[in-house]
Amino acid sequence: MKYLIIGLGNVGKEYELTRHNIGFRVLDALALASNTFFTLERFALKSQIKYKGKPIILIKPTTYMNLSGKAVKYWLTKENIPLNHVFVVVDDIALPFGTIRIRQGGSNGGHNGLANIDEALGSNAYPRMRFGIGNNFPKGKQADYVLSPFTLEEEKLLPFYIDRMKNAIQFFISDGIQNCMNEFNKTLVPPTE
C-alpha cells in the first residue's frame, strides 16, 4: 500500500528558508536520505522513495500554501491512496519553536493550508505533523512573521528537528499513527555542543 507525504510551503527562492516552508524542508531531507530528487509534475514537485519496502510519494505543492488542497486531492486520487496513508507536514504558530505535534486528524487550527486541504478533501481525518514556529510577532503581523526566515539561533537547531520529523514520518509508515504519536509527541531538547 502506497503512502502520500505532503510538505506544505510556498514555491520560489524568496520563500525557501521561511518559517512557512518547514514542510518543504522536511521532505527535502527525506528525499536526500534516499538519494532522490524532486521533479515538477502536476500541481506539485514530486519524488518517489521506498521505506521498508513500502512505496512513498512525496509532494511539495506548487499551488502556494493557501491552495494546497488542489495538489493533495489530485495526487490522492491519481495514486488511489486512502486518507489514513496521508501525512501532512505543516508549520504552527500556536506551538513554541521546536515543538512537534502529531495527530490523526482534527481542526486546521486556523492554518490556511490545512483549511484548504480540509475543504478539497471534504474531510479533516488525515494524519498531520505540526512543527512549532512560535508566535513572536506584533498584533496584525502574522503573515509577515510566517513568511520571514528563522532566527540564526533557530536555524542552528533546525537540523536536529528536521531529522526528528523525518524519523517520525518513517516511524508512521512502519509502525502506524498511534505508535508514532506516542513516540514523537514528546518534547526533546536538542543536544548542546
Protein backbone atom coordinates (compact mmCIF):
# COMPACT_ATOMS: atom_id res chain seq x y z
CA MET A 1 0.00 0.00 0.00
CA LYS A 2 1.33 3.41 -1.02
CA TYR A 3 1.75 6.47 1.20
CA LEU A 4 1.39 10.14 0.28
CA ILE A 5 3.54 12.52 2.31
CA ILE A 6 2.83 16.22 1.79
CA GLY A 7 5.11 19.02 2.91
CA LEU A 8 3.39 22.40 2.90
CA GLY A 9 5.14 25.56 1.79
CA ASN A 10 5.44 28.12 -0.98
CA VAL A 11 7.48 27.68 -4.16
CA GLY A 12 10.13 30.23 -5.07
CA LYS A 13 13.60 31.17 -3.89
CA GLU A 14 12.27 34.03 -1.75
CA TYR A 15 10.23 31.59 0.39
CA GLU A 16 12.81 28.82 0.65
CA LEU A 17 14.04 29.44 4.21
CA THR A 18 10.88 30.97 5.67
CA ARG A 19 9.03 29.55 8.66
CA HIS A 20 6.05 28.66 6.46
CA ASN A 21 8.27 26.32 4.39
CA ILE A 22 9.27 23.85 7.09
CA GLY A 23 7.16 21.16 5.34
CA PHE A 24 9.23 21.54 2.16
CA ARG A 25 12.45 21.27 4.14
CA VAL A 26 11.40 18.06 5.90
CA LEU A 27 10.51 16.45 2.55
CA ASP A 28 13.83 17.61 1.09
CA ALA A 29 15.55 15.75 3.95
CA LEU A 30 13.53 12.59 3.22
CA ALA A 31 14.39 12.73 -0.48
CA LEU A 32 18.05 13.39 0.27
CA ALA A 33 18.20 10.40 2.64
CA SER A 34 17.04 8.23 -0.29
CA ASN A 35 19.37 9.89 -2.81
CA THR A 36 16.47 11.06 -4.90
CA PHE A 37 15.25 14.44 -6.11
CA PHE A 38 12.02 16.24 -6.97
CA THR A 39 10.65 16.77 -10.46
CA LEU A 40 7.99 19.25 -11.46
CA GLU A 41 4.70 17.47 -12.11
CA ARG A 42 1.06 18.46 -11.99
CA PHE A 43 0.38 20.86 -9.08
CA ALA A 44 3.50 19.70 -7.21
CA LEU A 45 7.16 18.94 -7.04
CA LYS A 46 7.12 15.16 -6.70
CA SER A 47 9.53 12.47 -5.65
CA GLN A 48 9.13 8.76 -5.03
CA ILE A 49 11.01 6.75 -2.43
CA LYS A 50 10.67 3.44 -0.60
CA TYR A 51 10.85 2.78 3.10
CA LYS A 52 10.92 -0.79 4.40
CA GLY A 53 9.64 -1.90 1.01
CA LYS A 54 6.67 0.47 1.04
CA PRO A 55 6.30 2.95 -1.83
CA ILE A 56 6.07 6.58 -0.71
CA ILE A 57 5.14 9.56 -2.83
CA LEU A 58 6.47 12.89 -1.59
CA ILE A 59 4.81 16.06 -2.82
CA LYS A 60 5.56 19.73 -2.30
CA PRO A 61 2.53 21.58 -3.73
CA THR A 62 3.35 24.29 -6.29
CA THR A 63 -0.10 25.84 -5.81
CA TYR A 64 1.12 28.05 -2.92
CA MET A 65 0.12 27.42 0.66
CA ASN A 66 -3.48 28.64 0.55
CA LEU A 67 -4.39 26.32 -2.35
CA SER A 68 -2.56 23.21 -1.13
CA GLY A 69 -5.77 21.16 -1.26
CA LYS A 70 -5.76 21.18 -5.07
CA ALA A 71 -2.43 19.31 -5.19
CA VAL A 72 -3.31 16.96 -2.33
CA LYS A 73 -6.65 15.97 -3.87
CA TYR A 74 -5.13 15.45 -7.31
CA TRP A 75 -2.33 13.12 -6.10
CA LEU A 76 -4.54 11.31 -3.61
CA THR A 77 -7.00 10.48 -6.39
CA LYS A 78 -4.37 9.77 -9.06
CA GLU A 79 -2.44 7.36 -6.83
CA ASN A 80 -5.57 5.93 -5.16
CA ILE A 81 -4.27 6.43 -1.61
CA PRO A 82 -6.57 6.12 1.44
CA LEU A 83 -6.75 9.07 3.86
CA ASN A 84 -5.07 7.14 6.66
CA HIS A 85 -1.99 6.76 4.42
CA VAL A 86 -1.65 10.52 4.02
CA PHE A 87 0.69 12.56 6.22
CA VAL A 88 0.88 16.36 6.08
CA VAL A 89 3.83 18.33 7.47
CA VAL A 90 2.99 21.91 8.41
CA ASP A 91 4.17 24.90 10.47
CA ASP A 92 2.18 26.05 13.53
CA ILE A 93 2.31 29.45 15.27
CA ALA A 94 0.29 28.11 18.23
CA LEU A 95 3.20 25.89 19.31
CA PRO A 96 6.52 27.07 20.77
CA PHE A 97 9.51 26.76 18.45
CA GLY A 98 10.69 23.17 18.12
CA THR A 99 7.52 21.52 19.43
CA ILE A 100 6.33 18.60 17.29
CA ARG A 101 2.67 17.54 17.47
CA ILE A 102 1.32 14.60 15.52
CA ARG A 103 -2.43 13.97 15.24
CA GLN A 104 -4.70 11.50 13.45
CA GLY A 105 -6.92 14.33 12.23
CA GLY A 106 -8.83 17.28 13.61
CA SER A 107 -9.01 21.04 13.45
CA ASN A 108 -6.96 23.08 11.00
CA GLY A 109 -6.17 25.49 13.87
CA GLY A 110 -6.61 28.47 11.56
CA HIS A 111 -3.85 27.30 9.21
CA ASN A 112 -4.84 28.27 5.65
CA GLY A 113 -3.00 25.36 4.04
CA LEU A 114 -4.76 22.77 6.22
CA ALA A 115 -8.10 24.58 5.83
CA ASN A 116 -7.79 24.33 2.06
CA ILE A 117 -6.91 20.63 2.24
CA ASP A 118 -9.95 20.02 4.52
CA GLU A 119 -12.16 21.80 2.01
CA ALA A 120 -10.73 19.99 -1.03
CA LEU A 121 -10.98 16.55 0.59
CA GLY A 122 -14.26 17.21 2.40
CA SER A 123 -12.59 15.75 5.48
CA ASN A 124 -10.06 16.54 8.19
CA ALA A 125 -9.49 12.87 9.07
CA TYR A 126 -5.92 12.61 7.80
CA PRO A 127 -2.72 12.38 9.85
CA ARG A 128 -0.62 15.53 10.19
CA MET A 129 2.50 16.72 11.94
CA ARG A 130 2.71 20.31 13.14
CA PHE A 131 6.03 21.98 13.84
CA GLY A 132 6.02 24.88 16.28
CA ILE A 133 7.45 28.09 14.85
CA GLY A 134 6.46 30.25 17.83
CA ASN A 135 4.40 33.44 17.73
CA ASN A 136 6.89 36.19 18.39
CA PHE A 137 5.19 38.85 16.28
CA PRO A 138 3.26 42.09 16.93
CA LYS A 139 -0.52 42.13 16.50
CA GLY A 140 -1.55 42.04 12.85
CA LYS A 141 1.89 40.91 11.64
CA GLN A 142 1.24 37.16 11.43
CA ALA A 143 1.63 37.00 7.62
CA ASP A 144 4.97 38.82 7.77
CA TYR A 145 6.15 36.51 10.55
CA VAL A 146 5.37 33.19 8.85
CA LEU A 147 6.97 34.46 5.63
CA SER A 148 10.15 35.56 7.43
CA PRO A 149 13.25 33.41 7.95
CA PHE A 150 14.02 31.64 11.21
CA THR A 151 16.42 33.47 13.52
CA LEU A 152 20.10 32.42 13.37
CA GLU A 153 19.67 30.68 16.71
CA GLU A 154 16.62 28.72 15.47
CA GLU A 155 18.33 27.90 12.16
CA LYS A 156 21.21 26.31 14.11
CA LEU A 157 18.74 23.99 15.87
CA LEU A 158 16.66 23.14 12.79
CA PRO A 159 18.79 20.21 11.54
CA PHE A 160 18.01 18.38 14.81
CA TYR A 161 14.25 18.98 14.45
CA ILE A 162 14.13 18.26 10.71
CA ASP A 163 15.90 14.96 11.34
CA ARG A 164 13.42 14.14 14.10
CA MET A 165 10.46 14.90 11.81
CA LYS A 166 11.99 12.77 9.05
CA ASN A 167 12.28 9.91 11.57
CA ALA A 168 8.66 10.47 12.66
CA ILE A 169 7.43 10.07 9.06
CA GLN A 170 9.39 6.84 8.66
CA PHE A 171 8.03 5.62 12.00
CA PHE A 172 4.47 6.47 10.89
CA ILE A 173 4.96 4.34 7.77
CA SER A 174 6.48 1.37 9.61
CA ASP A 175 4.53 1.45 12.91
CA GLY A 176 1.30 3.38 12.32
CA ILE A 177 -0.09 6.69 13.55
CA GLN A 178 -0.83 5.69 17.16
CA ASN A 179 2.70 4.45 17.86
CA CYS A 180 4.08 7.46 16.02
CA MET A 181 2.13 9.84 18.26
CA ASN A 182 3.28 8.01 21.39
CA GLU A 183 6.90 8.13 20.28
CA PHE A 184 7.21 11.64 18.82
CA ASN A 185 4.74 13.84 20.75
CA LYS A 186 7.36 14.16 23.48
CA THR A 187 9.33 17.34 23.91
CA LEU A 188 13.00 16.75 23.21
CA VAL A 189 15.71 19.32 23.68
CA PRO A 190 18.49 19.35 21.08
CA PRO A 191 21.85 18.23 22.44
CA THR A 192 24.12 21.16 23.31
CA GLU A 193 27.61 21.28 21.92
